[in-house]
Amino acid sequence: MDIVIDHSRVPKKEWKWDENEAGYEGVNTFDGFLKWFTYKHGLGGNTITVKQSYEDFIRDGPLKESMPADVMLDLYDDIMSAMN
């Protein structure tokens, strides 16, 4: 079964978790795909990002195992609501 997501219908949102004095992790849907990131506060801030398609997320799951279950379900629902 092919998964076809209408990227324009996925709400533009951002989620963050594991926020502490060192930084945080998160994911957003601002650019038509998932952008997973880790932000480190030290030395003026350093962000590491990885891209994942919506289709790959539905098929393979999240790229970050640290993602809380409630965030994963919210993201999954947003993406599935845009499925053709």
PDB file of N, CA and C in Angstrom:
ATOM      1  N   MET A   1       0.830  -1.176   0.000  1.00  0.00           N
ATOM      2  CA  MET A   1       0.000   0.000   0.000  1.00  0.00           C
ATOM      3  C   MET A   1       0.883   1.251   0.000  1.00  0.00           C
ATOM      4  N   ASP A   2       0.628   2.126  -0.949  1.00  0.00           N
ATOM      5  CA  ASP A   2       1.343   3.392  -0.994  1.00  0.00           C
ATOM      6  C   ASP A   2       0.713   4.379  -0.017  1.00  0.00           C
ATOM      7  N   ILE A   3       1.556   5.111   0.657  1.00  0.00           N
ATOM      8  CA  ILE A   3       1.097   6.167   1.554  1.00  0.00           C
ATOM      9  C   ILE A   3       1.260   7.483   0.823  1.00  0.00           C
ATOM     10  N   VAL A   4       0.164   8.216   0.680  1.00  0.00           N
ATOM     11  CA  VAL A   4       0.207   9.503  -0.009  1.00  0.00           C
ATOM     12  C   VAL A   4      -0.333  10.571   0.936  1.00  0.00           C
ATOM     13  N   ILE A   5       0.529  11.494   1.305  1.00  0.00           N
ATOM     14  CA  ILE A   5       0.183  12.569   2.220  1.00  0.00           C
ATOM     15  C   ILE A   5       0.124  13.877   1.440  1.00  0.00           C
ATOM     16  N   ASP A   6      -0.938  14.641   1.621  1.00  0.00           N
ATOM     17  CA  ASP A   6      -1.029  15.990   1.052  1.00  0.00           C
ATOM     18  C   ASP A   6      -0.277  16.918   1.998  1.00  0.00           C
ATOM     19  N   HIS A   7       0.956  17.204   1.675  1.00  0.00           N
ATOM     20  CA  HIS A   7       1.841  17.969   2.558  1.00  0.00           C
ATOM     21  C   HIS A   7       1.266  19.335   2.914  1.00  0.00           C
ATOM     22  N   SER A   8       0.486  19.918   2.042  1.00  0.00           N
ATOM     23  CA  SER A   8      -0.086  21.241   2.306  1.00  0.00           C
ATOM     24  C   SER A   8      -1.155  21.196   3.399  1.00  0.00           C
ATOM     25  N   ARG A   9      -1.678  20.011   3.704  1.00  0.00           N
ATOM     26  CA  ARG A   9      -2.724  19.883   4.730  1.00  0.00           C
ATOM     27  C   ARG A   9      -2.189  19.516   6.112  1.00  0.00           C
ATOM     28  N   VAL A  10      -0.893  19.262   6.221  1.00  0.00           N
ATOM     29  CA  VAL A  10      -0.304  18.953   7.527  1.00  0.00           C
ATOM     30  C   VAL A  10      -0.117  20.279   8.271  1.00  0.00           C
ATOM     31  N   PRO A  11      -0.701  20.421   9.456  1.00  0.00           N
ATOM     32  CA  PRO A  11      -0.559  21.676  10.209  1.00  0.00           C
ATOM     33  C   PRO A  11       0.905  21.977  10.518  1.00  0.00           C
ATOM     34  N   LYS A  12       1.258  23.239  10.457  1.00  0.00           N
ATOM     35  CA  LYS A  12       2.619  23.667  10.791  1.00  0.00           C
ATOM     36  C   LYS A  12       2.718  23.825  12.309  1.00  0.00           C
ATOM     37  N   LYS A  13       3.458  22.896  12.930  1.00  0.00           N
ATOM     38  CA  LYS A  13       3.587  22.864  14.386  1.00  0.00           C
ATOM     39  C   LYS A  13       5.022  22.517  14.769  1.00  0.00           C
ATOM     40  N   GLU A  14       5.305  22.744  16.042  1.00  0.00           N
ATOM     41  CA  GLU A  14       6.594  22.336  16.594  1.00  0.00           C
ATOM     42  C   GLU A  14       6.382  21.748  17.987  1.00  0.00           C
ATOM     43  N   TRP A  15       7.096  20.684  18.272  1.00  0.00           N
ATOM     44  CA  TRP A  15       7.052  20.038  19.575  1.00  0.00           C
ATOM     45  C   TRP A  15       8.470  19.994  20.129  1.00  0.00           C
ATOM     46  N   LYS A  16       8.618  20.187  21.430  1.00  0.00           N
ATOM     47  CA  LYS A  16       9.916  20.095  22.112  1.00  0.00           C
ATOM     48  C   LYS A  16       9.758  19.213  23.346  1.00  0.00           C
ATOM     49  N   TRP A  17      10.821  18.524  23.694  1.00  0.00           N
ATOM     50  CA  TRP A  17      10.818  17.704  24.902  1.00  0.00           C
ATOM     51  C   TRP A  17      12.245  17.606  25.442  1.00  0.00           C
ATOM     52  N   ASP A  18      12.365  17.019  26.604  1.00  0.00           N
ATOM     53  CA  ASP A  18      13.658  16.892  27.300  1.00  0.00           C
ATOM     54  C   ASP A  18      14.352  18.245  27.453  1.00  0.00           C
ATOM     55  N   GLU A  19      13.557  19.292  27.748  1.00  0.00           N
ATOM     56  CA  GLU A  19      14.134  20.620  27.932  1.00  0.00           C
ATOM     57  C   GLU A  19      14.832  20.694  29.282  1.00  0.00           C
ATOM     58  N   ASN A  20      16.090  21.132  29.263  1.00  0.00           N
ATOM     59  CA  ASN A  20      16.856  21.307  30.497  1.00  0.00           C
ATOM     60  C   ASN A  20      17.942  22.343  30.254  1.00  0.00           C
ATOM     61  N   GLU A  21      18.853  22.505  31.198  1.00  0.00           N
ATOM     62  CA  GLU A  21      19.877  23.543  31.075  1.00  0.00           C
ATOM     63  C   GLU A  21      20.831  23.299  29.912  1.00  0.00           C
ATOM     64  N   ALA A  22      20.941  22.070  29.437  1.00  0.00           N
ATOM     65  CA  ALA A  22      21.844  21.751  28.332  1.00  0.00           C
ATOM     66  C   ALA A  22      21.205  22.014  26.966  1.00  0.00           C
ATOM     67  N   GLY A  23      19.881  21.929  26.876  1.00  0.00           N
ATOM     68  CA  GLY A  23      19.208  22.110  25.591  1.00  0.00           C
ATOM     69  C   GLY A  23      17.898  21.352  25.546  1.00  0.00           C
ATOM     70  N   TYR A  24      17.504  20.916  24.351  1.00  0.00           N
ATOM     71  CA  TYR A  24      16.257  20.180  24.187  1.00  0.00           C
ATOM     72  C   TYR A  24      16.249  19.462  22.844  1.00  0.00           C
ATOM     73  N   GLU A  25      15.268  18.584  22.676  1.00  0.00           N
ATOM     74  CA  GLU A  25      15.047  17.890  21.407  1.00  0.00           C
ATOM     75  C   GLU A  25      13.672  18.279  20.897  1.00  0.00           C
ATOM     76  N   GLY A  26      13.446  18.072  19.608  1.00  0.00           N
ATOM     77  CA  GLY A  26      12.140  18.393  19.073  1.00  0.00           C
ATOM     78  C   GLY A  26      11.989  17.999  17.613  1.00  0.00           C
ATOM     79  N   VAL A  27      10.808  18.350  17.095  1.00  0.00           N
ATOM     80  CA  VAL A  27      10.478  18.092  15.700  1.00  0.00           C
ATOM     81  C   VAL A  27       9.487  19.170  15.264  1.00  0.00           C
ATOM     82  N   ASN A  28       9.555  19.550  13.978  1.00  0.00           N
ATOM     83  CA  ASN A  28       8.549  20.467  13.462  1.00  0.00           C
ATOM     84  C   ASN A  28       8.125  20.073  12.055  1.00  0.00           C
ATOM     85  N   THR A  29       7.019  20.682  11.634  1.00  0.00           N
ATOM     86  CA  THR A  29       6.430  20.390  10.319  1.00  0.00           C
ATOM     87  C   THR A  29       6.375  21.655   9.459  1.00  0.00           C
ATOM     88  N   PHE A  30       7.288  22.594   9.679  1.00  0.00           N
ATOM     89  CA  PHE A  30       7.232  23.895   9.021  1.00  0.00           C
ATOM     90  C   PHE A  30       7.551  23.868   7.523  1.00  0.00           C
ATOM     91  N   ASP A  31       8.302  22.878   7.055  1.00  0.00           N
ATOM     92  CA  ASP A  31       8.844  22.925   5.694  1.00  0.00           C
ATOM     93  C   ASP A  31       8.343  21.831   4.750  1.00  0.00           C
ATOM     94  N   GLY A  32       7.217  21.205   5.047  1.00  0.00           N
ATOM     95  CA  GLY A  32       6.698  20.163   4.159  1.00  0.00           C
ATOM     96  C   GLY A  32       7.304  18.793   4.416  1.00  0.00           C
ATOM     97  N   PHE A  33       8.035  18.668   5.502  1.00  0.00           N
ATOM     98  CA  PHE A  33       8.605  17.397   5.946  1.00  0.00           C
ATOM     99  C   PHE A  33       8.863  17.542   7.443  1.00  0.00           C
ATOM    100  N   LEU A  34       9.241  16.454   8.077  1.00  0.00           N
ATOM    101  CA  LEU A  34       9.589  16.525   9.495  1.00  0.00           C
ATOM    102  C   LEU A  34      11.045  16.946   9.619  1.00  0.00           C
ATOM    103  N   LYS A  35      11.282  17.918  10.476  1.00  0.00           N
ATOM    104  CA  LYS A  35      12.648  18.330  10.780  1.00  0.00           C
ATOM    105  C   LYS A  35      12.889  18.009  12.256  1.00  0.00           C
ATOM    106  N   TRP A  36      13.684  16.957  12.485  1.00  0.00           N
ATOM    107  CA  TRP A  36      14.046  16.537  13.833  1.00  0.00           C
ATOM    108  C   TRP A  36      15.259  17.347  14.250  1.00  0.00           C
ATOM    109  N   PHE A  37      15.287  17.818  15.503  1.00  0.00           N
ATOM    110  CA  PHE A  37      16.425  18.630  15.911  1.00  0.00           C
ATOM    111  C   PHE A  37      16.811  18.385  17.362  1.00  0.00           C
ATOM    112  N   THR A  38      18.074  18.652  17.619  1.00  0.00           N
ATOM    113  CA  THR A  38      18.632  18.682  18.964  1.00  0.00           C
ATOM    114  C   THR A  38      19.306  20.031  19.101  1.00  0.00           C
ATOM    115  N   TYR A  39      18.922  20.787  20.120  1.00  0.00           N
ATOM    116  CA  TYR A  39      19.488  22.109  20.346  1.00  0.00           C
ATOM    117  C   TYR A  39      20.324  22.076  21.620  1.00  0.00           C
ATOM    118  N   LYS A  40      21.558  22.561  21.517  1.00  0.00           N
ATOM    119  CA  LYS A  40      22.471  22.650  22.669  1.00  0.00           C
ATOM    120  C   LYS A  40      22.714  24.125  22.961  1.00  0.00           C
ATOM    121  N   HIS A  41      22.525  24.535  24.207  1.00  0.00           N
ATOM    122  CA  HIS A  41      22.680  25.935  24.597  1.00  0.00           C
ATOM    123  C   HIS A  41      24.124  26.435  24.552  1.00  0.00           C
ATOM    124  N   GLY A  42      25.071  25.610  24.826  1.00  0.00           N
ATOM    125  CA  GLY A  42      26.459  26.040  24.956  1.00  0.00           C
ATOM    126  C   GLY A  42      27.044  26.647  23.695  1.00  0.00           C
ATOM    127  N   LEU A  43      27.987  27.549  23.876  1.00  0.00           N
ATOM    128  CA  LEU A  43      28.715  28.199  22.782  1.00  0.00           C
ATOM    129  C   LEU A  43      27.796  28.878  21.777  1.00  0.00           C
ATOM    130  N   GLY A  44      26.818  29.597  22.269  1.00  0.00           N
ATOM    131  CA  GLY A  44      25.933  30.352  21.383  1.00  0.00           C
ATOM    132  C   GLY A  44      24.839  29.523  20.739  1.00  0.00           C
ATOM    133  N   GLY A  45      24.709  28.312  21.113  1.00  0.00           N
ATOM    134  CA  GLY A  45      23.648  27.456  20.565  1.00  0.00           C
ATOM    135  C   GLY A  45      24.115  26.692  19.351  1.00  0.00           C
ATOM    136  N   ASN A  46      23.815  25.445  19.321  1.00  0.00           N
ATOM    137  CA  ASN A  46      24.180  24.567  18.215  1.00  0.00           C
ATOM    138  C   ASN A  46      22.991  23.663  17.954  1.00  0.00           C
ATOM    139  N   THR A  47      22.492  23.661  16.737  1.00  0.00           N
ATOM    140  CA  THR A  47      21.344  22.830  16.396  1.00  0.00           C
ATOM    141  C   THR A  47      21.751  21.786  15.366  1.00  0.00           C
ATOM    142  N   ILE A  48      21.422  20.554  15.653  1.00  0.00           N
ATOM    143  CA  ILE A  48      21.646  19.450  14.715  1.00  0.00           C
ATOM    144  C   ILE A  48      20.277  19.042  14.197  1.00  0.00           C
ATOM    145  N   THR A  49      20.100  18.997  12.863  1.00  0.00           N
ATOM    146  CA  THR A  49      18.797  18.643  12.293  1.00  0.00           C
ATOM    147  C   THR A  49      18.915  17.456  11.339  1.00  0.00           C
ATOM    148  N   VAL A  50      17.820  16.715  11.247  1.00  0.00           N
ATOM    149  CA  VAL A  50      17.693  15.591  10.316  1.00  0.00           C
ATOM    150  C   VAL A  50      16.289  15.670   9.719  1.00  0.00           C
ATOM    151  N   LYS A  51      16.184  15.463   8.409  1.00  0.00           N
ATOM    152  CA  LYS A  51      14.892  15.492   7.718  1.00  0.00           C
ATOM    153  C   LYS A  51      14.306  14.090   7.610  1.00  0.00           C
ATOM    154  N   GLN A  52      12.966  14.026   7.649  1.00  0.00           N
ATOM    155  CA  GLN A  52      12.241  12.777   7.427  1.00  0.00           C
ATOM    156  C   GLN A  52      10.934  13.114   6.727  1.00  0.00           C
ATOM    157  N   SER A  53      10.589  12.363   5.690  1.00  0.00           N
ATOM    158  CA  SER A  53       9.315  12.604   5.014  1.00  0.00           C
ATOM    159  C   SER A  53       8.166  12.144   5.902  1.00  0.00           C
ATOM    160  N   TYR A  54       7.003  12.718   5.668  1.00  0.00           N
ATOM    161  CA  TYR A  54       5.808  12.297   6.407  1.00  0.00           C
ATOM    162  C   TYR A  54       5.522  10.822   6.150  1.00  0.00           C
ATOM    163  N   GLU A  55       5.698  10.413   4.910  1.00  0.00           N
ATOM    164  CA  GLU A  55       5.427   9.026   4.535  1.00  0.00           C
ATOM    165  C   GLU A  55       6.354   8.069   5.283  1.00  0.00           C
ATOM    166  N   ASP A  56       7.639   8.434   5.386  1.00  0.00           N
ATOM    167  CA  ASP A  56       8.587   7.586   6.115  1.00  0.00           C
ATOM    168  C   ASP A  56       8.242   7.514   7.601  1.00  0.00           C
ATOM    169  N   PHE A  57       7.745   8.612   8.167  1.00  0.00           N
ATOM    170  CA  PHE A  57       7.335   8.601   9.571  1.00  0.00           C
ATOM    171  C   PHE A  57       6.187   7.613   9.791  1.00  0.00           C
ATOM    172  N   ILE A  58       5.190   7.648   8.909  1.00  0.00           N
ATOM    173  CA  ILE A  58       4.050   6.737   9.032  1.00  0.00           C
ATOM    174  C   ILE A  58       4.512   5.294   8.857  1.00  0.00           C
ATOM    175  N   ARG A  59       5.399   5.064   7.915  1.00  0.00           N
ATOM    176  CA  ARG A  59       5.872   3.716   7.614  1.00  0.00           C
ATOM    177  C   ARG A  59       6.875   3.202   8.659  1.00  0.00           C
ATOM    178  N   ASP A  60       7.825   4.064   9.103  1.00  0.00           N
ATOM    179  CA  ASP A  60       8.956   3.612   9.903  1.00  0.00           C
ATOM    180  C   ASP A  60       8.982   4.113  11.345  1.00  0.00           C
ATOM    181  N   GLY A  61       8.142   5.101  11.671  1.00  0.00           N
ATOM    182  CA  GLY A  61       8.133   5.653  13.022  1.00  0.00           C
ATOM    183  C   GLY A  61       9.085   6.819  13.183  1.00  0.00           C
ATOM    184  N   PRO A  62       9.184   7.339  14.395  1.00  0.00           N
ATOM    185  CA  PRO A  62       9.997   8.527  14.645  1.00  0.00           C
ATOM    186  C   PRO A  62      11.495   8.231  14.582  1.00  0.00           C
ATOM    187  N   LEU A  63      12.275   9.255  14.215  1.00  0.00           N
ATOM    188  CA  LEU A  63      13.729   9.113  14.182  1.00  0.00           C
ATOM    189  C   LEU A  63      14.342   9.226  15.572  1.00  0.00           C
ATOM    190  N   LYS A  64      13.633   9.824  16.506  1.00  0.00           N
ATOM    191  CA  LYS A  64      14.148   9.985  17.868  1.00  0.00           C
ATOM    192  C   LYS A  64      13.360   9.084  18.818  1.00  0.00           C
ATOM    193  N   GLU A  65      14.057   8.136  19.410  1.00  0.00           N
ATOM    194  CA  GLU A  65      13.416   7.225  20.361  1.00  0.00           C
ATOM    195  C   GLU A  65      12.971   7.938  21.626  1.00  0.00           C
ATOM    196  N   SER A  66      13.545   9.103  21.889  1.00  0.00           N
ATOM    197  CA  SER A  66      13.210   9.854  23.095  1.00  0.00           C
ATOM    198  C   SER A  66      11.869  10.573  22.997  1.00  0.00           C
ATOM    199  N   MET A  67      11.248  10.551  21.830  1.00  0.00           N
ATOM    200  CA  MET A  67       9.981  11.264  21.611  1.00  0.00           C
ATOM    201  C   MET A  67       8.896  10.725  22.544  1.00  0.00           C
ATOM    202  N   PRO A  68       8.270  11.608  23.332  1.00  0.00           N
ATOM    203  CA  PRO A  68       7.191  11.157  24.215  1.00  0.00           C
ATOM    204  C   PRO A  68       5.999  10.611  23.427  1.00  0.00           C
ATOM    205  N   ALA A  69       5.312   9.645  24.008  1.00  0.00           N
ATOM    206  CA  ALA A  69       4.190   8.994  23.324  1.00  0.00           C
ATOM    207  C   ALA A  69       3.090   9.978  22.950  1.00  0.00           C
ATOM    208  N   ASP A  70       2.771  10.947  23.829  1.00  0.00           N
ATOM    209  CA  ASP A  70       1.699  11.887  23.505  1.00  0.00           C
ATOM    210  C   ASP A  70       2.072  12.780  22.328  1.00  0.00           C
ATOM    211  N   VAL A  71       3.344  13.136  22.207  1.00  0.00           N
ATOM    212  CA  VAL A  71       3.804  13.935  21.067  1.00  0.00           C
ATOM    213  C   VAL A  71       3.729  13.094  19.794  1.00  0.00           C
ATOM    214  N   MET A  72       4.167  11.840  19.885  1.00  0.00           N
ATOM    215  CA  MET A  72       4.122  10.958  18.718  1.00  0.00           C
ATOM    216  C   MET A  72       2.689  10.778  18.221  1.00  0.00           C
ATOM    217  N   LEU A  73       1.741  10.585  19.129  1.00  0.00           N
ATOM    218  CA  LEU A  73       0.344  10.406  18.731  1.00  0.00           C
ATOM    219  C   LEU A  73      -0.231  11.674  18.110  1.00  0.00           C
ATOM    220  N   ASP A  74       0.103  12.835  18.664  1.00  0.00           N
ATOM    221  CA  ASP A  74      -0.368  14.110  18.107  1.00  0.00           C
ATOM    222  C   ASP A  74       0.172  14.310  16.696  1.00  0.00           C
ATOM    223  N   LEU A  75       1.457  14.059  16.518  1.00  0.00           N
ATOM    224  CA  LEU A  75       2.080  14.194  15.201  1.00  0.00           C
ATOM    225  C   LEU A  75       1.480  13.191  14.215  1.00  0.00           C
ATOM    226  N   TYR A  76       1.330  11.962  14.645  1.00  0.00           N
ATOM    227  CA  TYR A  76       0.731  10.921  13.801  1.00  0.00           C
ATOM    228  C   TYR A  76      -0.670  11.309  13.357  1.00  0.00           C
ATOM    229  N   ASP A  77      -1.489  11.803  14.278  1.00  0.00           N
ATOM    230  CA  ASP A  77      -2.851  12.233  13.941  1.00  0.00           C
ATOM    231  C   ASP A  77      -2.840  13.381  12.928  1.00  0.00           C
ATOM    232  N   ASP A  78      -1.944  14.356  13.126  1.00  0.00           N
ATOM    233  CA  ASP A  78      -1.862  15.491  12.184  1.00  0.00           C
ATOM    234  C   ASP A  78      -1.510  15.015  10.780  1.00  0.00           C
ATOM    235  N   ILE A  79      -0.562  14.103  10.695  1.00  0.00           N
ATOM    236  CA  ILE A  79      -0.138  13.603   9.376  1.00  0.00           C
ATOM    237  C   ILE A  79      -1.227  12.740   8.754  1.00  0.00           C
ATOM    238  N   MET A  80      -1.823  11.847   9.535  1.00  0.00           N
ATOM    239  CA  MET A  80      -2.862  10.968   8.980  1.00  0.00           C
ATOM    240  C   MET A  80      -4.090  11.755   8.529  1.00  0.00           C
ATOM    241  N   SER A  81      -4.363  12.899   9.154  1.00  0.00           N
ATOM    242  CA  SER A  81      -5.501  13.709   8.729  1.00  0.00           C
ATOM    243  C   SER A  81      -5.270  14.325   7.347  1.00  0.00           C
ATOM    244  N   ALA A  82      -4.020  14.325   6.890  1.00  0.00           N
ATOM    245  CA  ALA A  82      -3.690  14.872   5.568  1.00  0.00           C
ATOM    246  C   ALA A  82      -3.491  13.779   4.525  1.00  0.00           C
ATOM    247  N   MET A  83      -3.811  12.556   4.883  1.00  0.00           N
ATOM    248  CA  MET A  83      -3.630  11.432   3.947  1.00  0.00           C
ATOM    249  C   MET A  83      -4.712  11.484   2.870  1.00  0.00           C
ATOM    250  N   ASN A  84      -4.292  11.264   1.630  1.00  0.00           N
ATOM    251  CA  ASN A  84      -5.244  11.251   0.499  1.00  0.00           C
ATOM    252  C   ASN A  84      -5.932   9.913   0.375  1.00  0.00           C
TER     253      ASN A  84
END
